[in-house]
């Protein structure tokens, strides 16, 4: 499985730590590459486009709160980026929403919680069934 990572300066340090944590996966880093101030939409877009083009299987995005980069990722058609705060949310966003990008606040989430959320996200499958109808409705909204 290939995982894409992206962050702005507020999520940079967590992204770097998570890169090491994901040693059992192939990881592609879409930036940023320092704590110098940058604009999160630029990096959210790069990651989202990589997920849509199937350059990577899933994405994990970081900014200070996770809010800005999640909004940015979700502007790319076909992306379902979810800002999560705990393992339950990370599991449910895969099971029920078929999310393809997990968003985490680098300044609001502890590293151990982030690792646990990533484990849940990457090891949980979409349930389909009644949830597929809802995901289909979301996809249809993108066409309207």
Protein backbone atom coordinates (compact mmCIF):
# COMPACT_ATOMS: atom_id res chain seq x y z
CA UNK A 1 0.00 0.00 0.00
CA UNK A 2 1.29 3.45 -0.91
CA UNK A 3 0.45 6.36 1.39
CA UNK A 4 0.72 10.03 0.48
CA UNK A 5 1.52 12.64 3.11
CA UNK A 6 1.16 16.40 2.97
CA UNK A 7 1.25 19.26 5.43
CA UNK A 8 1.67 22.95 5.85
CA UNK A 9 4.16 24.39 8.36
CA UNK A 10 1.75 23.76 11.28
CA UNK A 11 1.64 20.05 10.55
CA UNK A 12 5.21 19.61 9.35
CA UNK A 13 6.71 18.18 12.55
CA UNK A 14 3.93 15.62 12.97
CA UNK A 15 4.17 14.65 9.29
CA UNK A 16 7.88 14.01 9.71
CA UNK A 17 7.32 11.85 12.78
CA UNK A 18 4.53 9.91 11.04
CA UNK A 19 6.81 9.30 8.04
CA UNK A 20 9.05 7.26 10.30
CA UNK A 21 6.08 5.50 11.87
CA UNK A 22 4.87 4.32 8.44
CA UNK A 23 8.06 2.35 7.77
CA UNK A 24 6.04 -0.72 6.67
CA UNK A 25 4.40 1.27 3.85
CA UNK A 26 5.63 2.97 0.73
CA UNK A 27 5.34 6.69 1.50
CA UNK A 28 5.26 9.66 -0.85
CA UNK A 29 5.78 13.10 0.71
CA UNK A 30 4.04 15.97 -1.11
CA UNK A 31 5.48 18.66 1.15
CA UNK A 32 5.96 21.00 2.78
CA UNK A 33 9.55 20.31 3.68
CA UNK A 34 10.19 22.76 6.55
CA UNK A 35 8.48 24.84 9.22
CA UNK A 36 8.63 27.94 7.02
CA UNK A 37 5.16 29.42 6.61
CA UNK A 38 3.29 28.13 3.53
CA UNK A 39 -0.31 27.94 2.33
CA UNK A 40 -2.08 24.65 3.18
CA UNK A 41 -4.30 24.68 0.03
CA UNK A 42 -1.24 24.14 -2.15
CA UNK A 43 -0.27 20.95 -0.32
CA UNK A 44 -3.80 19.67 0.17
CA UNK A 45 -4.37 19.93 -3.57
CA UNK A 46 -1.16 18.05 -4.38
CA UNK A 47 -2.10 15.21 -2.07
CA UNK A 48 -5.73 15.06 -3.22
CA UNK A 49 -4.70 14.93 -6.87
CA UNK A 50 -2.28 12.09 -6.08
CA UNK A 51 -5.09 10.11 -4.44
CA UNK A 52 -7.48 10.70 -7.36
CA UNK A 53 -4.85 9.74 -9.95
CA UNK A 54 -4.10 6.58 -7.92
CA UNK A 55 -0.47 7.63 -7.52
CA UNK A 56 -1.12 6.70 -3.87
CA UNK A 57 -3.80 4.52 -2.28
CA UNK A 58 -4.66 6.84 0.62
CA UNK A 59 -3.60 10.21 1.92
CA UNK A 60 -2.85 11.65 5.34
CA UNK A 61 -2.88 15.43 5.60
CA UNK A 62 -1.74 17.69 8.43
CA UNK A 63 -2.01 21.36 9.26
CA UNK A 64 -2.15 23.15 12.60
CA UNK A 65 -5.76 22.20 13.33
CA UNK A 66 -6.44 19.89 10.38
CA UNK A 67 -9.35 22.12 9.38
CA UNK A 68 -7.82 24.14 6.55
CA UNK A 69 -6.14 21.24 4.83
CA UNK A 70 -9.29 19.10 5.10
CA UNK A 71 -11.37 21.82 3.45
CA UNK A 72 -8.73 22.17 0.73
CA UNK A 73 -8.52 18.44 0.02
CA UNK A 74 -12.31 18.21 -0.21
CA UNK A 75 -12.37 20.76 -3.03
CA UNK A 76 -10.87 18.13 -5.36
CA UNK A 77 -13.57 16.05 -7.04
CA UNK A 78 -13.70 12.50 -5.71
CA UNK A 79 -11.99 13.24 -2.42
CA UNK A 80 -13.58 12.42 0.88
CA UNK A 81 -11.16 13.89 3.41
CA UNK A 82 -12.12 13.50 7.07
CA UNK A 83 -10.76 15.48 9.98
CA UNK A 84 -10.63 13.04 12.89
CA UNK A 85 -9.84 13.41 16.58
CA UNK A 86 -9.89 9.82 17.79
CA UNK A 87 -9.67 6.18 16.72
CA UNK A 88 -13.44 5.72 16.56
CA UNK A 89 -13.82 8.58 14.07
CA UNK A 90 -10.95 7.27 11.95
CA UNK A 91 -12.49 3.80 11.82
CA UNK A 92 -16.01 5.03 11.09
CA UNK A 93 -14.92 7.39 8.33
CA UNK A 94 -13.52 4.39 6.46
CA UNK A 95 -16.40 2.02 7.30
CA UNK A 96 -19.24 4.44 6.60
CA UNK A 97 -17.86 7.23 4.37
CA UNK A 98 -15.16 5.44 2.38
CA UNK A 99 -12.86 8.36 3.16
CA UNK A 100 -9.65 8.43 1.14
CA UNK A 101 -7.74 11.09 3.11
CA UNK A 102 -7.33 11.28 6.87
CA UNK A 103 -6.73 14.80 8.19
CA UNK A 104 -5.04 15.47 11.52
CA UNK A 105 -4.25 18.63 13.47
CA UNK A 106 -0.54 18.76 14.15
CA UNK A 107 -1.02 21.29 16.95
CA UNK A 108 -4.22 19.82 18.38
CA UNK A 109 -3.61 16.06 18.38
CA UNK A 110 -1.06 14.09 20.37
CA UNK A 111 1.30 11.89 18.40
CA UNK A 112 0.12 8.64 20.00
CA UNK A 113 -3.52 9.44 19.15
CA UNK A 114 -2.42 10.32 15.61
CA UNK A 115 -0.65 6.97 15.24
CA UNK A 116 -3.69 5.08 16.58
CA UNK A 117 -5.99 6.94 14.18
CA UNK A 118 -3.71 6.16 11.26
CA UNK A 119 -3.69 2.47 12.17
CA UNK A 120 -7.49 2.41 12.29
CA UNK A 121 -7.83 4.34 9.04
CA UNK A 122 -5.39 2.19 7.07
CA UNK A 123 -6.65 -1.14 8.44
CA UNK A 124 -10.39 -0.56 8.09
CA UNK A 125 -12.40 -1.41 4.97
CA UNK A 126 -15.48 0.35 3.64
CA UNK A 127 -18.61 -1.59 4.63
CA UNK A 128 -20.62 -0.70 1.53
CA UNK A 129 -24.26 -1.78 1.83
CA UNK A 130 -26.47 1.01 3.13
CA UNK A 131 -23.43 3.27 3.30
CA UNK A 132 -22.76 2.97 -0.44
CA UNK A 133 -26.04 4.74 -1.19
CA UNK A 134 -24.91 7.68 0.94
CA UNK A 135 -21.46 7.85 -0.63
CA UNK A 136 -23.13 7.73 -4.07
CA UNK A 137 -25.25 10.74 -3.07
CA UNK A 138 -22.11 12.64 -2.10
CA UNK A 139 -20.53 11.79 -5.46
CA UNK A 140 -23.68 12.90 -7.28
CA UNK A 141 -23.51 16.27 -5.51
CA UNK A 142 -20.12 16.82 -7.16
CA UNK A 143 -21.79 16.48 -10.56
CA UNK A 144 -24.55 19.02 -9.88
